[in-house]
Amino acid sequence: MAVAGLVLVPALSPCATTLPVFLAVGNSSSMMVLAIIVLLFSTIAVMTSLVASSFYGASQLKFRWVERYDKVLVGSVLCLVGILTLIFHDHDGEEGLHAHQVHRKVIGL
């Protein structure tokens, strides 16, 4: 089942295979419409089945610690993103932040 999924997803992906299909169609407008319809329904079928199977698989996993500490986990991730943005974001057009500049920015808050 997993091997079939690994083969079918790239084969039916809307990003990887549409250009060769549309180039092969040529100037025929009826074949172009047919190619669009086939790619549309195959993409919807593949994406829906992947989401449904991953939802089913994820529902089998029990993350009791995530349910218990969800607010702490979300708060920690948001604080970490804020700190990393403060350190690595180019605020004043500088090339990059050095250790003394980071310390000065944190103290300036």
PDB file of N, CA and C in Angstrom:
ATOM      1  N   MET A   1       0.822  -1.193   0.000  1.00  0.00           N
ATOM      2  CA  MET A   1       0.000   0.000   0.000  1.00  0.00           C
ATOM      3  C   MET A   1       0.869   1.261   0.000  1.00  0.00           C
ATOM      4  N   ALA A   2       1.908   1.268   0.833  1.00  0.00           N
ATOM      5  CA  ALA A   2       2.775   2.440   0.892  1.00  0.00           C
ATOM      6  C   ALA A   2       3.547   2.618  -0.407  1.00  0.00           C
ATOM      7  N   VAL A   3       3.978   1.512  -1.005  1.00  0.00           N
ATOM      8  CA  VAL A   3       4.710   1.595  -2.272  1.00  0.00           C
ATOM      9  C   VAL A   3       3.793   2.130  -3.367  1.00  0.00           C
ATOM     10  N   ALA A   4       2.555   1.681  -3.378  1.00  0.00           N
ATOM     11  CA  ALA A   4       1.601   2.184  -4.365  1.00  0.00           C
ATOM     12  C   ALA A   4       1.378   3.677  -4.179  1.00  0.00           C
ATOM     13  N   GLY A   5       1.313   4.123  -2.932  1.00  0.00           N
ATOM     14  CA  GLY A   5       1.163   5.547  -2.666  1.00  0.00           C
ATOM     15  C   GLY A   5       2.368   6.346  -3.131  1.00  0.00           C
ATOM     16  N   LEU A   6       3.567   5.788  -2.913  1.00  0.00           N
ATOM     17  CA  LEU A   6       4.773   6.483  -3.351  1.00  0.00           C
ATOM     18  C   LEU A   6       4.873   6.558  -4.869  1.00  0.00           C
ATOM     19  N   VAL A   7       4.306   5.598  -5.554  1.00  0.00           N
ATOM     20  CA  VAL A   7       4.327   5.621  -7.017  1.00  0.00           C
ATOM     21  C   VAL A   7       3.209   6.495  -7.563  1.00  0.00           C
ATOM     22  N   LEU A   8       2.018   6.415  -6.974  1.00  0.00           N
ATOM     23  CA  LEU A   8       0.864   7.135  -7.508  1.00  0.00           C
ATOM     24  C   LEU A   8       0.898   8.635  -7.244  1.00  0.00           C
ATOM     25  N   VAL A   9       1.410   9.056  -6.094  1.00  0.00           N
ATOM     26  CA  VAL A   9       1.386  10.483  -5.777  1.00  0.00           C
ATOM     27  C   VAL A   9       2.209  11.295  -6.776  1.00  0.00           C
ATOM     28  N   PRO A  10       3.466  10.928  -7.083  1.00  0.00           N
ATOM     29  CA  PRO A  10       4.171  11.712  -8.109  1.00  0.00           C
ATOM     30  C   PRO A  10       3.537  11.562  -9.495  1.00  0.00           C
ATOM     31  N   ALA A  11       2.967  10.400  -9.765  1.00  0.00           N
ATOM     32  CA  ALA A  11       2.375  10.186 -11.082  1.00  0.00           C
ATOM     33  C   ALA A  11       1.121  11.022 -11.274  1.00  0.00           C
ATOM     34  N   LEU A  12       0.375  11.257 -10.224  1.00  0.00           N
ATOM     35  CA  LEU A  12      -0.873  12.005 -10.332  1.00  0.00           C
ATOM     36  C   LEU A  12      -0.779  13.416  -9.758  1.00  0.00           C
ATOM     37  N   SER A  13       0.406  13.838  -9.421  1.00  0.00           N
ATOM     38  CA  SER A  13       0.597  15.156  -8.823  1.00  0.00           C
ATOM     39  C   SER A  13       0.291  16.257  -9.831  1.00  0.00           C
ATOM     40  N   PRO A  14      -0.370  17.302  -9.401  1.00  0.00           N
ATOM     41  CA  PRO A  14      -0.686  18.377 -10.340  1.00  0.00           C
ATOM     42  C   PRO A  14       0.534  19.212 -10.716  1.00  0.00           C
ATOM     43  N   CYS A  15       1.587  19.148  -9.927  1.00  0.00           N
ATOM     44  CA  CYS A  15       2.736  20.009 -10.191  1.00  0.00           C
ATOM     45  C   CYS A  15       3.732  19.386 -11.161  1.00  0.00           C
ATOM     46  N   ALA A  16       4.005  18.112 -11.013  1.00  0.00           N
ATOM     47  CA  ALA A  16       5.109  17.501 -11.740  1.00  0.00           C
ATOM     48  C   ALA A  16       4.755  17.065 -13.146  1.00  0.00           C
ATOM     49  N   THR A  17       3.524  16.687 -13.397  1.00  0.00           N
ATOM     50  CA  THR A  17       3.219  16.051 -14.675  1.00  0.00           C
ATOM     51  C   THR A  17       2.333  16.864 -15.593  1.00  0.00           C
ATOM     52  N   THR A  18       1.892  18.004 -15.205  1.00  0.00           N
ATOM     53  CA  THR A  18       0.941  18.723 -16.057  1.00  0.00           C
ATOM     54  C   THR A  18       1.587  19.303 -17.306  1.00  0.00           C
ATOM     55  N   LEU A  19       2.787  19.801 -17.210  1.00  0.00           N
ATOM     56  CA  LEU A  19       3.413  20.417 -18.380  1.00  0.00           C
ATOM     57  C   LEU A  19       3.619  19.432 -19.523  1.00  0.00           C
ATOM     58  N   PRO A  20       4.182  18.228 -19.290  1.00  0.00           N
ATOM     59  CA  PRO A  20       4.299  17.291 -20.414  1.00  0.00           C
ATOM     60  C   PRO A  20       2.944  16.865 -20.972  1.00  0.00           C
ATOM     61  N   VAL A  21       1.939  16.748 -20.120  1.00  0.00           N
ATOM     62  CA  VAL A  21       0.616  16.362 -20.603  1.00  0.00           C
ATOM     63  C   VAL A  21       0.052  17.442 -21.514  1.00  0.00           C
ATOM     64  N   PHE A  22       0.154  18.689 -21.095  1.00  0.00           N
ATOM     65  CA  PHE A  22      -0.389  19.775 -21.906  1.00  0.00           C
ATOM     66  C   PHE A  22       0.421  19.997 -23.178  1.00  0.00           C
ATOM     67  N   LEU A  23       1.723  19.737 -23.130  1.00  0.00           N
ATOM     68  CA  LEU A  23       2.520  19.839 -24.351  1.00  0.00           C
ATOM     69  C   LEU A  23       2.182  18.716 -25.324  1.00  0.00           C
ATOM     70  N   ALA A  24       1.849  17.543 -24.804  1.00  0.00           N
ATOM     71  CA  ALA A  24       1.487  16.421 -25.672  1.00  0.00           C
ATOM     72  C   ALA A  24       0.118  16.618 -26.319  1.00  0.00           C
ATOM     73  N   VAL A  25      -0.744  17.383 -25.684  1.00  0.00           N
ATOM     74  CA  VAL A  25      -2.091  17.605 -26.220  1.00  0.00           C
ATOM     75  C   VAL A  25      -2.025  18.405 -27.514  1.00  0.00           C
ATOM     76  N   GLY A  26      -1.126  19.355 -27.585  1.00  0.00           N
ATOM     77  CA  GLY A  26      -0.998  20.153 -28.803  1.00  0.00           C
ATOM     78  C   GLY A  26      -2.044  21.243 -28.869  1.00  0.00           C
ATOM     79  N   ASN A  27      -2.606  21.440 -30.062  1.00  0.00           N
ATOM     80  CA  ASN A  27      -3.560  22.527 -30.282  1.00  0.00           C
ATOM     81  C   ASN A  27      -5.017  22.076 -30.211  1.00  0.00           C
ATOM     82  N   SER A  28      -5.272  20.867 -29.866  1.00  0.00           N
ATOM     83  CA  SER A  28      -6.639  20.356 -29.815  1.00  0.00           C
ATOM     84  C   SER A  28      -7.314  20.832 -28.538  1.00  0.00           C
ATOM     85  N   SER A  29      -8.342  21.652 -28.680  1.00  0.00           N
ATOM     86  CA  SER A  29      -9.010  22.198 -27.499  1.00  0.00           C
ATOM     87  C   SER A  29      -9.835  21.131 -26.773  1.00  0.00           C
ATOM     88  N   SER A  30     -10.409  20.180 -27.508  1.00  0.00           N
ATOM     89  CA  SER A  30     -11.184  19.138 -26.837  1.00  0.00           C
ATOM     90  C   SER A  30     -10.277  18.229 -26.015  1.00  0.00           C
ATOM     91  N   MET A  31      -9.092  17.928 -26.529  1.00  0.00           N
ATOM     92  CA  MET A  31      -8.143  17.112 -25.753  1.00  0.00           C
ATOM     93  C   MET A  31      -7.601  17.896 -24.560  1.00  0.00           C
ATOM     94  N   MET A  32      -7.464  19.202 -24.706  1.00  0.00           N
ATOM     95  CA  MET A  32      -7.009  20.045 -23.603  1.00  0.00           C
ATOM     96  C   MET A  32      -8.035  20.024 -22.477  1.00  0.00           C
ATOM     97  N   VAL A  33      -9.306  20.147 -22.819  1.00  0.00           N
ATOM     98  CA  VAL A  33     -10.372  20.094 -21.808  1.00  0.00           C
ATOM     99  C   VAL A  33     -10.399  18.729 -21.146  1.00  0.00           C
ATOM    100  N   LEU A  34     -10.243  17.669 -21.933  1.00  0.00           N
ATOM    101  CA  LEU A  34     -10.214  16.328 -21.381  1.00  0.00           C
ATOM    102  C   LEU A  34      -9.027  16.141 -20.432  1.00  0.00           C
ATOM    103  N   ALA A  35      -7.867  16.647 -20.815  1.00  0.00           N
ATOM    104  CA  ALA A  35      -6.688  16.550 -19.949  1.00  0.00           C
ATOM    105  C   ALA A  35      -6.893  17.314 -18.641  1.00  0.00           C
ATOM    106  N   ILE A  36      -7.515  18.489 -18.734  1.00  0.00           N
ATOM    107  CA  ILE A  36      -7.789  19.278 -17.527  1.00  0.00           C
ATOM    108  C   ILE A  36      -8.747  18.531 -16.607  1.00  0.00           C
ATOM    109  N   ILE A  37      -9.795  17.939 -17.167  1.00  0.00           N
ATOM    110  CA  ILE A  37     -10.778  17.213 -16.352  1.00  0.00           C
ATOM    111  C   ILE A  37     -10.157  15.983 -15.707  1.00  0.00           C
ATOM    112  N   VAL A  38      -9.370  15.236 -16.470  1.00  0.00           N
ATOM    113  CA  VAL A  38      -8.721  14.038 -15.912  1.00  0.00           C
ATOM    114  C   VAL A  38      -7.746  14.416 -14.811  1.00  0.00           C
ATOM    115  N   LEU A  39      -6.929  15.440 -15.042  1.00  0.00           N
ATOM    116  CA  LEU A  39      -5.982  15.864 -14.011  1.00  0.00           C
ATOM    117  C   LEU A  39      -6.698  16.420 -12.780  1.00  0.00           C
ATOM    118  N   LEU A  40      -7.801  17.119 -12.989  1.00  0.00           N
ATOM    119  CA  LEU A  40      -8.563  17.663 -11.866  1.00  0.00           C
ATOM    120  C   LEU A  40      -9.104  16.545 -10.983  1.00  0.00           C
ATOM    121  N   PHE A  41      -9.785  15.575 -11.593  1.00  0.00           N
ATOM    122  CA  PHE A  41     -10.389  14.510 -10.788  1.00  0.00           C
ATOM    123  C   PHE A  41      -9.349  13.572 -10.188  1.00  0.00           C
ATOM    124  N   SER A  42      -8.272  13.323 -10.900  1.00  0.00           N
ATOM    125  CA  SER A  42      -7.232  12.455 -10.328  1.00  0.00           C
ATOM    126  C   SER A  42      -6.533  13.153  -9.166  1.00  0.00           C
ATOM    127  N   THR A  43      -6.298  14.459  -9.276  1.00  0.00           N
ATOM    128  CA  THR A  43      -5.682  15.198  -8.178  1.00  0.00           C
ATOM    129  C   THR A  43      -6.592  15.226  -6.960  1.00  0.00           C
ATOM    130  N   ILE A  44      -7.875  15.493  -7.164  1.00  0.00           N
ATOM    131  CA  ILE A  44      -8.822  15.519  -6.052  1.00  0.00           C
ATOM    132  C   ILE A  44      -8.910  14.146  -5.395  1.00  0.00           C
ATOM    133  N   ALA A  45      -8.938  13.084  -6.190  1.00  0.00           N
ATOM    134  CA  ALA A  45      -9.024  11.730  -5.629  1.00  0.00           C
ATOM    135  C   ALA A  45      -7.780  11.370  -4.833  1.00  0.00           C
ATOM    136  N   VAL A  46      -6.609  11.682  -5.370  1.00  0.00           N
ATOM    137  CA  VAL A  46      -5.362  11.348  -4.668  1.00  0.00           C
ATOM    138  C   VAL A  46      -5.237  12.155  -3.386  1.00  0.00           C
ATOM    139  N   MET A  47      -5.467  13.450  -3.443  1.00  0.00           N
ATOM    140  CA  MET A  47      -5.312  14.289  -2.253  1.00  0.00           C
ATOM    141  C   MET A  47      -6.344  13.929  -1.179  1.00  0.00           C
ATOM    142  N   THR A  48      -7.571  13.652  -1.581  1.00  0.00           N
ATOM    143  CA  THR A  48      -8.595  13.274  -0.616  1.00  0.00           C
ATOM    144  C   THR A  48      -8.260  11.945   0.047  1.00  0.00           C
ATOM    145  N   SER A  49      -7.799  10.983  -0.732  1.00  0.00           N
ATOM    146  CA  SER A  49      -7.454   9.687  -0.138  1.00  0.00           C
ATOM    147  C   SER A  49      -6.234   9.792   0.766  1.00  0.00           C
ATOM    148  N   LEU A  50      -5.255  10.620   0.406  1.00  0.00           N
ATOM    149  CA  LEU A  50      -4.094  10.803   1.278  1.00  0.00           C
ATOM    150  C   LEU A  50      -4.471  11.481   2.587  1.00  0.00           C
ATOM    151  N   VAL A  51      -5.327  12.496   2.512  1.00  0.00           N
ATOM    152  CA  VAL A  51      -5.752  13.177   3.738  1.00  0.00           C
ATOM    153  C   VAL A  51      -6.576  12.239   4.612  1.00  0.00           C
ATOM    154  N   ALA A  52      -7.474  11.474   4.004  1.00  0.00           N
ATOM    155  CA  ALA A  52      -8.303  10.549   4.781  1.00  0.00           C
ATOM    156  C   ALA A  52      -7.459   9.464   5.434  1.00  0.00           C
ATOM    157  N   SER A  53      -6.503   8.915   4.693  1.00  0.00           N
ATOM    158  CA  SER A  53      -5.668   7.862   5.285  1.00  0.00           C
ATOM    159  C   SER A  53      -4.735   8.414   6.353  1.00  0.00           C
ATOM    160  N   SER A  54      -4.212   9.616   6.162  1.00  0.00           N
ATOM    161  CA  SER A  54      -3.355  10.185   7.209  1.00  0.00           C
ATOM    162  C   SER A  54      -4.168  10.582   8.432  1.00  0.00           C
ATOM    163  N   PHE A  55      -5.409  11.042   8.234  1.00  0.00           N
ATOM    164  CA  PHE A  55      -6.268  11.352   9.374  1.00  0.00           C
ATOM    165  C   PHE A  55      -6.585  10.089  10.166  1.00  0.00           C
ATOM    166  N   TYR A  56      -6.864   9.005   9.446  1.00  0.00           N
ATOM    167  CA  TYR A  56      -7.133   7.734  10.119  1.00  0.00           C
ATOM    168  C   TYR A  56      -5.900   7.261  10.881  1.00  0.00           C
ATOM    169  N   GLY A  57      -4.735   7.359  10.267  1.00  0.00           N
ATOM    170  CA  GLY A  57      -3.506   6.944  10.938  1.00  0.00           C
ATOM    171  C   GLY A  57      -3.188   7.810  12.141  1.00  0.00           C
ATOM    172  N   ALA A  58      -3.395   9.117  12.027  1.00  0.00           N
ATOM    173  CA  ALA A  58      -3.126  10.018  13.146  1.00  0.00           C
ATOM    174  C   ALA A  58      -4.124   9.826  14.274  1.00  0.00           C
ATOM    175  N   SER A  59      -5.337   9.414  13.946  1.00  0.00           N
ATOM    176  CA  SER A  59      -6.320   9.193  15.005  1.00  0.00           C
ATOM    177  C   SER A  59      -5.996   7.951  15.825  1.00  0.00           C
ATOM    178  N   GLN A  60      -5.173   7.066  15.283  1.00  0.00           N
ATOM    179  CA  GLN A  60      -4.767   5.869  16.022  1.00  0.00           C
ATOM    180  C   GLN A  60      -3.685   6.172  17.048  1.00  0.00           C
ATOM    181  N   LEU A  61      -2.947   7.274  16.865  1.00  0.00           N
ATOM    182  CA  LEU A  61      -1.887   7.649  17.795  1.00  0.00           C
ATOM    183  C   LEU A  61      -2.483   8.407  18.974  1.00  0.00           C
ATOM    184  N   LYS A  62      -1.963   8.148  20.133  1.00  0.00           N
ATOM    185  CA  LYS A  62      -2.441   8.813  21.346  1.00  0.00           C
ATOM    186  C   LYS A  62      -1.351   9.724  21.884  1.00  0.00           C
ATOM    187  N   PHE A  63      -1.600  11.006  21.817  1.00  0.00           N
ATOM    188  CA  PHE A  63      -0.669  11.999  22.333  1.00  0.00           C
ATOM    189  C   PHE A  63      -1.269  12.633  23.591  1.00  0.00           C
ATOM    190  N   ARG A  64      -1.324  11.873  24.650  1.00  0.00           N
ATOM    191  CA  ARG A  64      -1.918  12.383  25.883  1.00  0.00           C
ATOM    192  C   ARG A  64      -1.123  13.559  26.457  1.00  0.00           C
ATOM    193  N   TRP A  65       0.203  13.515  26.313  1.00  0.00           N
ATOM    194  CA  TRP A  65       1.013  14.600  26.853  1.00  0.00           C
ATOM    195  C   TRP A  65       0.807  15.887  26.055  1.00  0.00           C
ATOM    196  N   VAL A  66       0.510  15.788  24.763  1.00  0.00           N
ATOM    197  CA  VAL A  66       0.227  16.980  23.977  1.00  0.00           C
ATOM    198  C   VAL A  66      -1.120  17.565  24.391  1.00  0.00           C
ATOM    199  N   GLU A  67      -2.101  16.707  24.633  1.00  0.00           N
ATOM    200  CA  GLU A  67      -3.408  17.182  25.071  1.00  0.00           C
ATOM    201  C   GLU A  67      -3.326  17.841  26.445  1.00  0.00           C
ATOM    202  N   ARG A  68      -2.439  17.328  27.280  1.00  0.00           N
ATOM    203  CA  ARG A  68      -2.322  17.864  28.634  1.00  0.00           C
ATOM    204  C   ARG A  68      -1.563  19.183  28.661  1.00  0.00           C
ATOM    205  N   TYR A  69      -0.486  19.284  27.855  1.00  0.00           N
ATOM    206  CA  TYR A  69       0.377  20.461  27.889  1.00  0.00           C
ATOM    207  C   TYR A  69       0.288  21.277  26.599  1.00  0.00           C
ATOM    208  N   ASP A  70      -0.873  21.341  25.975  1.00  0.00           N
ATOM    209  CA  ASP A  70      -0.990  22.023  24.687  1.00  0.00           C
ATOM    210  C   ASP A  70      -0.719  23.517  24.788  1.00  0.00           C
ATOM    211  N   LYS A  71      -1.191  24.162  25.837  1.00  0.00           N
ATOM    212  CA  LYS A  71      -0.985  25.606  25.973  1.00  0.00           C
ATOM    213  C   LYS A  71       0.478  25.940  26.221  1.00  0.00           C
ATOM    214  N   VAL A  72       1.148  25.136  27.006  1.00  0.00           N
ATOM    215  CA  VAL A  72       2.574  25.347  27.268  1.00  0.00           C
ATOM    216  C   VAL A  72       3.383  25.119  25.993  1.00  0.00           C
ATOM    217  N   LEU A  73       3.016  24.098  25.234  1.00  0.00           N
ATOM    218  CA  LEU A  73       3.722  23.786  23.996  1.00  0.00           C
ATOM    219  C   LEU A  73       3.559  24.906  22.971  1.00  0.00           C
ATOM    220  N   VAL A  74       2.348  25.398  22.779  1.00  0.00           N
ATOM    221  CA  VAL A  74       2.106  26.485  21.822  1.00  0.00           C
ATOM    222  C   VAL A  74       2.803  27.763  22.280  1.00  0.00           C
ATOM    223  N   GLY A  75       2.729  28.069  23.554  1.00  0.00           N
ATOM    224  CA  GLY A  75       3.407  29.259  24.082  1.00  0.00           C
ATOM    225  C   GLY A  75       4.912  29.186  23.915  1.00  0.00           C
ATOM    226  N   SER A  76       5.488  28.021  24.149  1.00  0.00           N
ATOM    227  CA  SER A  76       6.928  27.851  23.995  1.00  0.00           C
ATOM    228  C   SER A  76       7.361  28.025  22.549  1.00  0.00           C
ATOM    229  N   VAL A  77       6.598  27.459  21.636  1.00  0.00           N
ATOM    230  CA  VAL A  77       6.936  27.595  20.213  1.00  0.00           C
ATOM    231  C   VAL A  77       6.829  29.060  19.781  1.00  0.00           C
ATOM    232  N   LEU A  78       5.797  29.764  20.228  1.00  0.00           N
ATOM    233  CA  LEU A  78       5.653  31.176  19.861  1.00  0.00           C
ATOM    234  C   LEU A  78       6.780  32.024  20.445  1.00  0.00           C
ATOM    235  N   CYS A  79       7.171  31.754  21.683  1.00  0.00           N
ATOM    236  CA  CYS A  79       8.296  32.485  22.292  1.00  0.00           C
ATOM    237  C   CYS A  79       9.593  32.201  21.547  1.00  0.00           C
ATOM    238  N   LEU A  80       9.813  30.951  21.181  1.00  0.00           N
ATOM    239  CA  LEU A  80      11.022  30.586  20.445  1.00  0.00           C
ATOM    240  C   LEU A  80      11.065  31.270  19.081  1.00  0.00           C
ATOM    241  N   VAL A  81       9.944  31.316  18.382  1.00  0.00           N
ATOM    242  CA  VAL A  81       9.891  31.997  17.090  1.00  0.00           C
ATOM    243  C   VAL A  81      10.152  33.491  17.264  1.00  0.00           C
ATOM    244  N   GLY A  82       9.598  34.093  18.306  1.00  0.00           N
ATOM    245  CA  GLY A  82       9.839  35.508  18.571  1.00  0.00           C
ATOM    246  C   GLY A  82      11.292  35.801  18.870  1.00  0.00           C
ATOM    247  N   ILE A  83      11.923  34.976  19.683  1.00  0.00           N
ATOM    248  CA  ILE A  83      13.340  35.176  20.023  1.00  0.00           C
ATOM    249  C   ILE A  83      14.219  34.992  18.794  1.00  0.00           C
ATOM    250  N   LEU A  84      13.944  33.952  18.006  1.00  0.00           N
ATOM    251  CA  LEU A  84      14.740  33.738  16.795  1.00  0.00           C
ATOM    252  C   LEU A  84      14.537  34.854  15.780  1.00  0.00           C
ATOM    253  N   THR A  85      13.334  35.390  15.695  1.00  0.00           N
ATOM    254  CA  THR A  85      13.087  36.523  14.809  1.00  0.00           C
ATOM    255  C   THR A  85      13.842  37.748  15.285  1.00  0.00           C
ATOM    256  N   LEU A  86      13.861  37.981  16.571  1.00  0.00           N
ATOM    257  CA  LEU A  86      14.588  39.111  17.131  1.00  0.00           C
ATOM    258  C   LEU A  86      16.078  39.005  16.845  1.00  0.00           C
ATOM    259  N   ILE A  87      16.609  37.801  16.960  1.00  0.00           N
ATOM    260  CA  ILE A  87      18.051  37.623  16.782  1.00  0.00           C
ATOM    261  C   ILE A  87      18.447  37.659  15.313  1.00  0.00           C
ATOM    262  N   PHE A  88      17.710  36.980  14.437  1.00  0.00           N
ATOM    263  CA  PHE A  88      18.167  36.797  13.065  1.00  0.00           C
ATOM    264  C   PHE A  88      17.565  37.764  12.060  1.00  0.00           C
ATOM    265  N   HIS A  89      16.552  38.517  12.404  1.00  0.00           N
ATOM    266  CA  HIS A  89      15.934  39.431  11.445  1.00  0.00           C
ATOM    267  C   HIS A  89      16.798  40.670  11.278  1.00  0.00           C
ATOM    268  N   ASP A  90      16.936  41.121  10.046  1.00  0.00           N
ATOM    269  CA  ASP A  90      17.746  42.297   9.728  1.00  0.00           C
ATOM    270  C   ASP A  90      16.890  43.548   9.929  1.00  0.00           C
ATOM    271  N   HIS A  91      16.938  44.123  11.133  1.00  0.00           N
ATOM    272  CA  HIS A  91      16.079  45.252  11.467  1.00  0.00           C
ATOM    273  C   HIS A  91      16.571  46.580  10.897  1.00  0.00           C
ATOM    274  N   ASP A  92      17.872  46.820  10.975  1.00  0.00           N
ATOM    275  CA  ASP A  92      18.402  48.138  10.631  1.00  0.00           C
ATOM    276  C   ASP A  92      19.233  48.112   9.356  1.00  0.00           C
ATOM    277  N   GLY A  93      19.064  47.138   8.524  1.00  0.00           N
ATOM    278  CA  GLY A  93      19.853  47.050   7.313  1.00  0.00           C
ATOM    279  C   GLY A  93      21.266  46.564   7.554  1.00  0.00           C
ATOM    280  N   GLU A  94      21.516  45.995   8.708  1.00  0.00           N
ATOM    281  CA  GLU A  94      22.848  45.494   9.024  1.00  0.00           C
ATOM    282  C   GLU A  94      23.069  44.180   8.298  1.00  0.00           C
ATOM    283  N   GLU A  95      24.315  43.818   8.119  1.00  0.00           N
ATOM    284  CA  GLU A  95      24.644  42.556   7.460  1.00  0.00           C
ATOM    285  C   GLU A  95      24.189  41.369   8.290  1.00  0.00           C
ATOM    286  N   GLY A  96      24.379  41.414   9.547  1.00  0.00           N
ATOM    287  CA  GLY A  96      24.011  40.326  10.446  1.00  0.00           C
ATOM    288  C   GLY A  96      24.277  40.772  11.869  1.00  0.00           C
ATOM    289  N   LEU A  97      23.755  40.056  12.807  1.00  0.00           N
ATOM    290  CA  LEU A  97      23.936  40.445  14.192  1.00  0.00           C
ATOM    291  C   LEU A  97      25.098  39.674  14.805  1.00  0.00           C
ATOM    292  N   HIS A  98      25.945  40.420  15.499  1.00  0.00           N
ATOM    293  CA  HIS A  98      27.031  39.788  16.233  1.00  0.00           C
ATOM    294  C   HIS A  98      26.605  39.643  17.686  1.00  0.00           C
ATOM    295  N   ALA A  99      27.404  38.992  18.481  1.00  0.00           N
ATOM    296  CA  ALA A  99      27.018  38.693  19.866  1.00  0.00           C
ATOM    297  C   ALA A  99      26.749  39.964  20.669  1.00  0.00           C
ATOM    298  N   HIS A 100      27.602  40.999  20.529  1.00  0.00           N
ATOM    299  CA  HIS A 100      27.374  42.221  21.302  1.00  0.00           C
ATOM    300  C   HIS A 100      26.136  42.968  20.820  1.00  0.00           C
ATOM    301  N   GLN A 101      25.794  42.864  19.537  1.00  0.00           N
ATOM    302  CA  GLN A 101      24.596  43.519  19.033  1.00  0.00           C
ATOM    303  C   GLN A 101      23.331  42.820  19.527  1.00  0.00           C
ATOM    304  N   VAL A 102      23.375  41.491  19.605  1.00  0.00           N
ATOM    305  CA  VAL A 102      22.237  40.742  20.116  1.00  0.00           C
ATOM    306  C   VAL A 102      22.006  41.102  21.571  1.00  0.00           C
ATOM    307  N   HIS A 103      23.086  41.168  22.348  1.00  0.00           N
ATOM    308  CA  HIS A 103      22.969  41.521  23.763  1.00  0.00           C
ATOM    309  C   HIS A 103      22.390  42.929  23.899  1.00  0.00           C
ATOM    310  N   ARG A 104      22.844  43.851  23.076  1.00  0.00           N
ATOM    311  CA  ARG A 104      22.359  45.230  23.140  1.00  0.00           C
ATOM    312  C   ARG A 104      20.874  45.299  22.762  1.00  0.00           C
ATOM    313  N   LYS A 105      20.438  44.499  21.771  1.00  0.00           N
ATOM    314  CA  LYS A 105      19.041  44.503  21.371  1.00  0.00           C
ATOM    315  C   LYS A 105      18.147  43.916  22.453  1.00  0.00           C
ATOM    316  N   VAL A 106      18.597  42.841  23.094  1.00  0.00           N
ATOM    317  CA  VAL A 106      17.802  42.216  24.141  1.00  0.00           C
ATOM    318  C   VAL A 106      17.694  43.139  25.348  1.00  0.00           C
ATOM    319  N   ILE A 107      18.804  43.831  25.706  1.00  0.00           N
ATOM    320  CA  ILE A 107      18.780  44.775  26.825  1.00  0.00           C
ATOM    321  C   ILE A 107      17.877  45.960  26.485  1.00  0.00           C
ATOM    322  N   GLY A 108      17.847  46.374  25.224  1.00  0.00           N
ATOM    323  CA  GLY A 108      17.057  47.519  24.805  1.00  0.00           C
ATOM    324  C   GLY A 108      15.559  47.277  24.922  1.00  0.00           C
ATOM    325  N   LEU A 109      15.141  46.034  25.011  1.00  0.00           N
ATOM    326  CA  LEU A 109      13.712  45.751  25.142  1.00  0.00           C
ATOM    327  C   LEU A 109      13.236  46.180  26.497  1.00  0.00           C
TER     328      LEU A 109
END
